[in-house]
Structures are given as structure tokens and as C-alpha cells.
Amino acid sequence: MRDVLSELMKVWRADGTAGVGTVVRTFRSAPRMPGASMLVAPDGSVTGSVSGGCVEGAVYETATEVIESGVPTLERYGVADDDAFAVGLTCGGTIEVFVEAVSRQTFDSLESVAADVEEHRPVAVATVIAHQDPLWVGRRLVIRPDTTDGSIGSARADSAVTDDARGLLAAGRTEVLTYGPDGERRGEGMRVFVASYAPRARMLVFGAIDFAAAVAKQGSFLGYRVTVCDAREVFATPSRFPTADEVVIDWPHRYLAAQAEAGAIDSRTVICVLTHDPKFDVPLLEVALRLPEVGFVGAMGSRRTHQDRLERLRAAGVTDLELARLASPIGLDLGARTPEETAVSIAAEIIALRWGGEGKPLSGLEGPIHRSSGESESR
């Protein structure tokens, strides 16, 4: 829902009703991940996508019907016959889409959820997408780390879903959970989709140079909350980095250490060190490479700069095991020359690390295009 939230709030605040289709489960080579949404506004306009174009027409028709009836429905789309372009996924995958009518009457706490997402506060929305009693379908719980709002049908079910949803929220995971009809841990009869809106993953870009502006733009495009940090006040200005969420004037190593101490660094955090100046990047990398949790640490520089940096870091006491976490020179070999091309190569390496890609042309590979990063494709 995050990708259609701004348009959804316009409809909600105008006291209208929108049809929203959300991908809740994927199988095999599905084009969109769970949580991807498509919104049909009262005027018939469309925002978002659930499949990149394959089944949008079918979801549109279902959404318009749901707006009229108010009855939510769970649909499955895949390649079931030769007429794949009719309502199937031509990529060969399968998706389940939950389609519901969203308005002030059906989701009265939506505004508070939107505020949490906007302010980077963790919140999860648990929605019943299947139940043997149709009256339960569409009921939802809004779950925060220390509070809940709403009910899915019973105290027992609310308690079970709340516990499990908080675990998913802490891990930043979105998925379907299965219970017995009244929230029993064992058994079937109820399926609940938990959409976790954890704060956006962070990209910390150190070094207020032209390459940093291009990397910040790529990071923002990929959905990261981007911070640019440099100790030089004359270069670290918001006007030079208009796509960054914040620009910080501070010594890089001091800022990173303070962020880690505040608990603002996690396993999704990406750190890009672009200064290639020993007085900045060596103290910074000492901190970065010793963080217990961080998703990626990369540093820019030539081969000579890289070797000099390694020697300085070893002299500072950084171990070979810690140095093995460093991606340097940063980026994949794309032949990049300009800041914009270099930013694409850096983004490509980050994506490859996240999903287990090899950075090779797809035309020369076999097997599934989309990787599941260790998670079950049938989740």
C-alpha cells in the first residue's frame, strides 16, 4: 500500500471509496513483491501496479465491482492455459491479490497509519484475507511496537496475530500467516496478510562530491532514506543534494558512531564512502567495518587508493575478517565513467548483494530470473 498511499489518502480525505488490490503472495517468477498495490479511484483513474501490466485489467474490473458491493475478495492469477494474456502472468509466475474497498468507513485509522509511514515510525496492518466465516474477511488490526488498534474478530485471534505481526515488523517482513478459525496456532481456516511498514532502509553517503549527488539520486530512486554527510560546510549544502532526505555537516566517523549508538543503523543500512581521502575515510571505515549489523559498506577509489587504504586500516588494527566486508573499489564493472554512470554501477552492486545476483547478462544465464533472497517462493 505504501506505493499508492498518497493517492489513497486523497480519496479517503474526500470521503470517497477506492478499490485497492494488493499482492499478498507470490509463486515462482512473479513480477511484483507482496505489498505491491494498485488503486482504482472513484473517477476510474489508476495508480500503482500489481504485475507490471499482465493482470491489471482483471484487477481493475474486480476493484470496480468491490467498490460497488463492498465485499472484499482474494483472487489468484497465473498461467493456467494457453491464453496467458487474458488474465495470466506471461512471466510464468502466480500471484494472489486481495481486493478491497477502502474508505473512512472501512478503514477509519488509515490517517494515523499514513502519518506513521510518513514519519518513519514502524507500523503493521494485519488484514484477514480468507476465513470460513465471510464476515471476518477484510477485518484488520493496526499493530505498533507497543499498541494495537482495531480487531479481526476475537480477543484470541487478535492476541495471536499481534504477537506474530510484531515479529514480522521487527524484521521488516511482509507475508501471509495461517491460523485456525479463532486464531489457533495449529490448524487452518483463517489467513491473515501482515503488511509491515518499517522505516525505509537508510543509505549513508559520505563525501559531498559530484559523485555523491548522483549516488544520492540513485538511492532515493531505489527507496532508501538518503543522508549525505561531510565535515566541509561549504560543500555539504541541501542545494547541492536536492534528492537527499538530509544533509549533515559533521566528521563522518563521528556521525556514524553517533548513529550506531542511537540504534539508527541496522542490517539494511547501506554505507557509501566516496571521499577517497585518508583523513576522512580511514577513521570512518574503522567504525563502519566494526558495526555488528550493516547491509553494505563500499568505498570509492582507484586500485592504488584501495591498496593504500587497506594498509592504513590494517595499521589502525582493522582485521582481515573485518576488511572482507569492504566492497572496494565500489560498484560493478559496467565501464562507468560519469558520476551518473558510476552511481548506476554502485546501485547495481547493492542490488546484487541484496538479492544474490551475479551481475552477469541475463541472456547468458538459465533458470529463474527473480531470486527470493533465501525466503520461500511460496510464502
Protein backbone atom coordinates (compact mmCIF):
# COMPACT_ATOMS: atom_id res chain seq x y z
CA MET A 1 0.00 0.00 0.00
CA ARG A 2 2.96 2.32 0.50
CA ASP A 3 3.27 2.91 -3.24
CA VAL A 4 -0.33 4.19 -3.57
CA LEU A 5 -0.71 5.75 -0.13
CA SER A 6 -0.62 9.40 -1.18
CA GLU A 7 -3.39 8.92 -3.76
CA LEU A 8 -5.37 6.73 -1.38
CA MET A 9 -5.30 9.45 1.26
CA LYS A 10 -6.71 11.97 -1.24
CA VAL A 11 -9.72 9.70 -1.82
CA TRP A 12 -10.06 8.92 1.90
CA ARG A 13 -9.97 12.58 2.95
CA ALA A 14 -12.56 13.44 0.29
CA ASP A 15 -14.84 10.82 1.89
CA GLY A 16 -14.68 8.65 -1.24
CA THR A 17 -14.19 4.94 -1.73
CA ALA A 18 -11.23 3.42 -3.58
CA GLY A 19 -10.74 -0.13 -4.78
CA VAL A 20 -7.32 -1.40 -3.72
CA GLY A 21 -5.73 -4.60 -4.97
CA THR A 22 -2.67 -5.78 -3.03
CA VAL A 23 -0.29 -8.60 -3.85
CA VAL A 24 -0.32 -10.86 -0.80
CA ARG A 25 1.53 -13.95 -2.04
CA THR A 26 3.78 -14.78 -4.97
CA PHE A 27 4.93 -18.04 -6.53
CA ARG A 28 7.88 -18.59 -8.85
CA SER A 29 8.76 -15.74 -11.22
CA ALA A 30 6.20 -13.17 -10.11
CA PRO A 31 6.87 -9.59 -11.28
CA ARG A 32 5.91 -7.73 -8.07
CA MET A 33 6.61 -8.47 -4.41
CA PRO A 34 3.99 -8.90 -1.66
CA GLY A 35 2.71 -5.49 -0.63
CA ALA A 36 2.66 -4.04 -4.16
CA SER A 37 -0.70 -2.33 -4.70
CA MET A 38 -2.96 -0.89 -7.38
CA LEU A 39 -5.60 1.70 -6.60
CA VAL A 40 -8.75 2.44 -8.59
CA ALA A 41 -10.14 5.87 -7.66
CA PRO A 42 -13.83 6.83 -7.74
CA ASP A 43 -13.27 8.58 -11.10
CA GLY A 44 -11.80 5.39 -12.58
CA SER A 45 -8.17 6.55 -12.61
CA VAL A 46 -5.48 4.04 -11.68
CA THR A 47 -2.37 4.37 -9.54
CA GLY A 48 0.20 1.66 -8.94
CA SER A 49 0.62 -1.85 -10.28
CA VAL A 50 0.34 -5.45 -9.09
CA SER A 51 2.00 -7.20 -12.02
CA GLY A 52 3.71 -4.75 -14.32
CA GLY A 53 0.82 -4.89 -16.78
CA CYS A 54 -0.09 -8.57 -17.06
CA VAL A 55 -3.28 -8.73 -14.99
CA GLU A 56 -4.04 -5.09 -14.25
CA GLY A 57 -7.15 -5.20 -16.44
CA ALA A 58 -8.65 -8.07 -14.46
CA VAL A 59 -7.80 -6.42 -11.13
CA TYR A 60 -9.34 -3.17 -12.37
CA GLU A 61 -12.63 -4.91 -13.13
CA THR A 62 -12.62 -6.66 -9.76
CA ALA A 63 -11.80 -3.43 -7.93
CA THR A 64 -14.71 -1.58 -9.55
CA GLU A 65 -17.04 -4.42 -8.55
CA VAL A 66 -15.73 -4.36 -4.97
CA ILE A 67 -16.28 -0.60 -4.74
CA GLU A 68 -19.93 -1.19 -5.59
CA SER A 69 -20.51 -4.30 -3.47
CA GLY A 70 -18.22 -3.55 -0.55
CA VAL A 71 -17.35 -7.27 -0.44
CA PRO A 72 -13.58 -7.96 -0.48
CA THR A 73 -12.20 -10.86 -2.49
CA LEU A 74 -9.00 -12.87 -2.85
CA GLU A 75 -8.01 -13.63 -6.45
CA ARG A 76 -5.25 -15.80 -7.90
CA TYR A 77 -3.64 -15.08 -11.26
CA GLY A 78 -1.22 -17.29 -13.15
CA VAL A 79 -0.66 -19.14 -16.40
CA ALA A 80 -3.36 -21.77 -16.32
CA ASP A 81 -3.87 -22.24 -20.05
CA ASP A 82 -2.60 -21.15 -23.46
CA ASP A 83 -4.43 -17.83 -23.30
CA ALA A 84 -1.85 -16.31 -20.94
CA PHE A 85 -2.51 -12.74 -22.00
CA ALA A 86 -6.17 -12.92 -20.94
CA VAL A 87 -5.75 -12.85 -17.17
CA GLY A 88 -2.47 -14.71 -16.71
CA LEU A 89 1.11 -13.79 -15.93
CA THR A 90 3.16 -14.20 -19.07
CA CYS A 91 6.31 -14.46 -16.95
CA GLY A 92 5.14 -17.88 -15.74
CA GLY A 93 4.58 -16.88 -12.13
CA THR A 94 1.49 -16.80 -9.97
CA ILE A 95 0.23 -14.09 -7.62
CA GLU A 96 -2.57 -13.78 -5.12
CA VAL A 97 -4.23 -10.37 -4.96
CA PHE A 98 -6.58 -9.22 -2.20
CA VAL A 99 -9.02 -6.62 -3.50
CA GLU A 100 -10.96 -4.45 -1.05
CA ALA A 101 -12.89 -1.20 -0.83
CA VAL A 102 -11.09 1.41 1.29
CA SER A 103 -12.89 4.41 2.76
CA ARG A 104 -13.36 6.20 6.07
CA GLN A 105 -16.00 3.60 6.94
CA THR A 106 -13.88 0.54 6.16
CA PHE A 107 -10.51 1.84 7.41
CA ASP A 108 -11.07 4.62 9.95
CA SER A 109 -7.48 4.50 11.25
CA LEU A 110 -5.84 4.93 7.84
CA GLU A 111 -4.80 8.52 8.52
CA SER A 112 -2.80 7.51 11.60
CA VAL A 113 -1.15 4.70 9.61
CA ALA A 114 -0.24 7.17 6.85
CA ALA A 115 1.26 9.51 9.46
CA ASP A 116 3.38 6.67 10.87
CA VAL A 117 4.68 5.80 7.40
CA GLU A 118 5.43 9.44 6.62
CA GLU A 119 7.29 9.96 9.92
CA HIS A 120 9.24 6.69 9.59
CA ARG A 121 7.55 5.09 12.60
CA PRO A 122 7.14 1.29 12.45
CA VAL A 123 3.57 0.10 11.93
CA ALA A 124 1.97 -3.07 10.57
CA VAL A 125 -1.51 -3.64 9.16
CA ALA A 126 -2.90 -7.17 9.56
CA THR A 127 -5.90 -7.93 7.33
CA VAL A 128 -7.99 -11.11 7.21
CA ILE A 129 -7.91 -12.19 3.56
CA ALA A 130 -9.60 -15.59 3.92
CA HIS A 131 -11.86 -17.11 6.58
CA GLN A 132 -14.57 -19.75 6.75
CA ASP A 133 -16.87 -17.01 8.05
CA PRO A 134 -17.13 -14.35 5.29
CA LEU A 135 -17.91 -11.67 7.88
CA TRP A 136 -14.31 -11.87 9.13
CA VAL A 137 -12.78 -11.18 5.70
CA GLY A 138 -11.48 -7.62 5.43
CA ARG A 139 -11.25 -7.02 9.18
CA ARG A 140 -7.94 -5.59 10.26
CA LEU A 141 -5.62 -4.79 13.14
CA VAL A 142 -3.18 -1.87 13.14
CA ILE A 143 -0.17 -3.00 15.13
CA ARG A 144 2.61 -0.85 16.53
CA PRO A 145 5.51 -1.92 18.76
CA ASP A 146 3.51 -1.13 21.92
CA THR A 147 -0.14 -0.57 20.87
CA THR A 148 -2.88 -2.06 18.70
CA ASP A 149 -5.97 -0.59 17.08
CA GLY A 150 -8.99 -2.50 15.78
CA SER A 151 -9.93 -6.18 15.85
CA ILE A 152 -10.06 -9.07 13.42
CA GLY A 153 -12.89 -10.84 15.22
CA SER A 154 -11.95 -12.15 18.67
CA ALA A 155 -9.56 -11.47 21.54
CA ARG A 156 -7.80 -14.78 20.97
CA ALA A 157 -7.23 -14.09 17.28
CA ASP A 158 -6.15 -10.52 17.98
CA SER A 159 -3.58 -11.71 20.52
CA ALA A 160 -2.06 -14.34 18.22
CA VAL A 161 -1.85 -12.04 15.22
CA THR A 162 -0.45 -9.16 17.27
CA ASP A 163 2.40 -11.30 18.60
CA ASP A 164 3.33 -12.64 15.18
CA ALA A 165 2.92 -9.30 13.42
CA ARG A 166 5.30 -7.59 15.84
CA GLY A 167 7.91 -10.18 14.99
CA LEU A 168 7.43 -9.53 11.28
CA LEU A 169 7.52 -5.78 11.84
CA ALA A 170 10.80 -6.01 13.73
CA ALA A 171 12.29 -7.92 10.81
CA GLY A 172 10.69 -5.66 8.19
CA ARG A 173 8.88 -8.62 6.61
CA THR A 174 5.51 -8.70 4.84
CA GLU A 175 3.75 -12.04 4.47
CA VAL A 176 0.64 -14.20 4.95
CA LEU A 177 0.08 -16.04 8.25
CA THR A 178 -2.24 -19.03 8.68
CA TYR A 179 -4.29 -19.84 11.80
CA GLY A 180 -7.28 -21.80 12.91
CA PRO A 181 -10.66 -20.05 12.64
CA ASP A 182 -10.26 -18.34 16.03
CA GLY A 183 -6.53 -17.67 15.87
CA GLU A 184 -5.41 -21.16 16.92
CA ARG A 185 -1.71 -21.65 16.30
CA ARG A 186 -2.36 -25.04 14.76
CA GLY A 187 -4.95 -25.65 12.12
CA GLU A 188 -6.39 -23.80 9.17
CA GLY A 189 -9.40 -21.68 8.46
CA MET A 190 -8.02 -18.16 8.60
CA ARG A 191 -5.35 -16.41 6.56
CA VAL A 192 -4.04 -13.00 7.58
CA PHE A 193 -1.90 -10.70 5.43
CA VAL A 194 0.56 -8.68 7.50
CA ALA A 195 1.92 -5.62 5.70
CA SER A 196 4.92 -4.26 7.59
CA TYR A 197 5.75 -0.60 7.15
CA ALA A 198 9.12 -0.49 8.82
CA PRO A 199 11.11 2.73 8.39
CA ARG A 200 12.78 2.91 4.99
CA ALA A 201 16.23 1.39 4.81
CA ARG A 202 18.97 4.02 5.06
CA MET A 203 21.72 4.93 2.63
CA LEU A 204 24.53 6.94 4.19
CA VAL A 205 26.67 8.74 1.61
CA PHE A 206 29.92 10.19 2.95
CA GLY A 207 31.69 12.83 0.91
CA ALA A 208 29.92 15.87 -0.57
CA ILE A 209 31.25 15.49 -4.10
CA ASP A 210 29.58 15.35 -7.53
CA PHE A 211 29.56 11.54 -7.43
CA ALA A 212 27.70 11.74 -4.11
CA ALA A 213 24.90 13.74 -5.69
CA ALA A 214 24.43 11.06 -8.34
CA VAL A 215 24.57 8.23 -5.76
CA ALA A 216 22.07 10.04 -3.55
CA LYS A 217 19.71 10.33 -6.51
CA GLN A 218 20.02 6.61 -7.24
CA GLY A 219 19.50 5.76 -3.57
CA SER A 220 16.34 7.83 -3.42
CA PHE A 221 15.10 6.20 -6.63
CA LEU A 222 15.61 2.77 -5.05
CA GLY A 223 13.57 3.78 -2.00
CA TYR A 224 16.32 4.46 0.53
CA ARG A 225 16.20 7.26 3.07
CA VAL A 226 19.37 9.06 1.99
CA THR A 227 21.73 11.03 4.22
CA VAL A 228 24.74 12.88 2.83
CA CYS A 229 27.44 13.70 5.39
CA ASP A 230 30.61 15.75 5.10
CA ALA A 231 32.63 17.86 7.52
CA ARG A 232 33.09 20.66 4.97
CA GLU A 233 30.25 23.13 5.40
CA VAL A 234 30.86 24.85 2.09
CA PHE A 235 30.18 21.63 0.16
CA ALA A 236 27.55 19.95 2.36
CA THR A 237 24.53 22.02 1.39
CA PRO A 238 20.95 20.92 0.63
CA SER A 239 21.02 22.78 -2.69
CA ARG A 240 23.82 20.50 -3.94
CA PHE A 241 21.93 17.36 -2.91
CA PRO A 242 18.25 18.04 -3.62
CA THR A 243 17.24 14.36 -3.66
CA ALA A 244 18.78 13.57 -0.25
CA ASP A 245 16.45 13.37 2.74
CA GLU A 246 19.00 15.16 4.88
CA VAL A 247 22.46 16.73 4.58
CA VAL A 248 24.63 16.60 7.71
CA ILE A 249 27.70 18.67 8.49
CA ASP A 250 29.91 16.57 10.74
CA TRP A 251 33.03 14.45 10.72
CA PRO A 252 31.93 11.21 9.03
CA HIS A 253 33.31 8.81 11.64
CA ARG A 254 31.80 10.82 14.48
CA TYR A 255 28.39 10.97 12.81
CA LEU A 256 28.35 7.23 12.02
CA ALA A 257 29.39 6.30 15.55
CA ALA A 258 26.63 8.50 16.98
CA GLN A 259 24.05 6.96 14.65
CA ALA A 260 25.12 3.47 15.65
CA GLU A 261 24.95 4.40 19.34
CA ALA A 262 21.42 5.73 18.79
CA GLY A 263 20.34 2.44 17.20
CA ALA A 264 19.77 4.07 13.80
CA ILE A 265 21.92 1.55 11.88
CA ASP A 266 20.59 -1.92 11.02
CA SER A 267 21.21 -4.82 8.67
CA ARG A 268 19.51 -2.98 5.80
CA THR A 269 21.73 0.11 6.05
CA VAL A 270 23.96 0.89 3.06
CA ILE A 271 27.16 2.89 3.59
CA CYS A 272 28.90 4.50 0.61
CA VAL A 273 32.28 6.13 1.34
CA LEU A 274 33.10 8.44 -1.56
CA THR A 275 35.68 10.77 -0.01
CA HIS A 276 38.81 8.79 -1.03
CA ASP A 277 40.73 10.99 1.40
CA PRO A 278 42.56 9.08 4.19
CA LYS A 279 41.83 11.64 6.89
CA PHE A 280 38.10 11.08 6.31
CA ASP A 281 37.67 7.54 5.10
CA VAL A 282 40.11 5.61 7.32
CA PRO A 283 38.53 6.68 10.66
CA LEU A 284 35.10 6.26 9.07
CA LEU A 285 35.79 2.74 7.80
CA GLU A 286 37.22 1.75 11.18
CA VAL A 287 33.77 2.44 12.60
CA ALA A 288 31.77 1.07 9.67
CA LEU A 289 33.59 -2.26 9.35
CA ARG A 290 33.20 -2.98 13.06
CA LEU A 291 29.46 -2.42 13.20
CA PRO A 292 27.70 -5.66 14.18
CA GLU A 293 24.88 -5.04 11.70
CA VAL A 294 25.13 -3.25 8.38
CA GLY A 295 23.98 -4.30 4.93
CA PHE A 296 26.77 -2.93 2.75
CA VAL A 297 30.00 -0.96 3.13
CA GLY A 298 31.65 0.28 -0.05
CA ALA A 299 34.41 2.78 -0.72
CA MET A 300 35.37 4.67 -3.87
CA GLY A 301 38.89 4.97 -5.17
CA SER A 302 41.44 3.69 -7.66
CA ARG A 303 43.31 0.41 -7.22
CA ARG A 304 46.23 2.36 -5.78
CA THR A 305 43.93 4.22 -3.38
CA HIS A 306 42.38 0.92 -2.36
CA GLN A 307 45.74 -0.69 -1.53
CA ASP A 308 46.86 2.37 0.41
CA ARG A 309 43.57 2.37 2.29
CA LEU A 310 43.94 -1.31 3.22
CA GLU A 311 47.45 -0.68 4.59
CA ARG A 312 46.26 2.25 6.67
CA LEU A 313 43.29 0.27 8.02
CA ARG A 314 45.48 -2.69 8.95
CA ALA A 315 47.87 -0.30 10.69
CA ALA A 316 44.88 1.01 12.64
CA GLY A 317 44.10 -2.51 13.85
CA VAL A 318 41.32 -3.49 11.45
CA THR A 319 41.42 -7.27 10.96
CA ASP A 320 41.34 -9.16 7.68
CA LEU A 321 37.93 -10.57 8.66
CA GLU A 322 36.61 -7.03 9.08
CA LEU A 323 38.25 -5.91 5.83
CA ALA A 324 36.48 -8.73 3.99
CA ARG A 325 33.23 -6.81 4.50
CA LEU A 326 34.54 -3.89 2.44
CA ALA A 327 33.46 -3.53 -1.20
CA SER A 328 36.30 -1.55 -2.74
CA PRO A 329 36.60 -0.22 -5.35
CA ILE A 330 32.84 0.22 -5.03
CA GLY A 331 30.48 -0.73 -7.86
CA LEU A 332 30.13 -3.38 -10.58
CA ASP A 333 32.23 -3.36 -13.73
CA LEU A 334 29.94 -1.54 -16.15
CA GLY A 335 32.65 0.59 -17.76
CA ALA A 336 31.17 3.63 -15.99
CA ARG A 337 32.87 7.00 -16.42
CA THR A 338 30.49 9.81 -15.45
CA PRO A 339 29.13 10.37 -11.93
CA GLU A 340 25.70 9.20 -13.11
CA GLU A 341 27.07 6.02 -14.70
CA THR A 342 29.18 5.34 -11.61
CA ALA A 343 26.11 5.76 -9.42
CA VAL A 344 24.31 3.13 -11.51
CA SER A 345 27.24 0.72 -11.06
CA ILE A 346 27.16 1.29 -7.28
CA ALA A 347 23.41 0.77 -7.17
CA ALA A 348 23.83 -2.40 -9.23
CA GLU A 349 26.30 -3.84 -6.72
CA ILE A 350 23.96 -3.05 -3.83
CA ILE A 351 21.03 -4.71 -5.59
CA ALA A 352 23.12 -7.76 -6.49
CA LEU A 353 24.24 -8.17 -2.89
CA ARG A 354 20.69 -7.80 -1.60
CA TRP A 355 19.18 -10.43 -3.88
CA GLY A 356 22.14 -12.69 -4.58
CA GLY A 357 22.66 -11.62 -8.19
CA GLU A 358 25.88 -12.21 -10.09
CA GLY A 359 25.95 -9.07 -12.22
CA LYS A 360 26.01 -11.08 -15.45
CA PRO A 361 23.84 -10.55 -18.55
CA LEU A 362 20.55 -12.41 -18.16
CA SER A 363 20.82 -13.53 -21.79
CA GLY A 364 23.75 -15.76 -20.81
CA LEU A 365 22.08 -17.36 -17.79
CA GLU A 366 19.46 -20.04 -17.26
CA GLY A 367 16.94 -20.63 -14.51
CA PRO A 368 14.66 -18.21 -12.62
CA ILE A 369 15.24 -14.50 -13.20
CA HIS A 370 13.97 -13.43 -9.78
CA ARG A 371 15.73 -14.62 -6.64
CA SER A 372 13.99 -14.93 -3.29
CA SER A 373 16.94 -14.00 -1.04
CA GLY A 374 16.68 -17.18 0.98
CA GLU A 375 12.93 -16.93 1.51
CA SER A 376 10.46 -19.48 0.23
CA GLU A 377 8.98 -18.60 -3.16
CA SER A 378 5.65 -19.96 -1.97
CA ARG A 379 5.39 -17.72 1.08
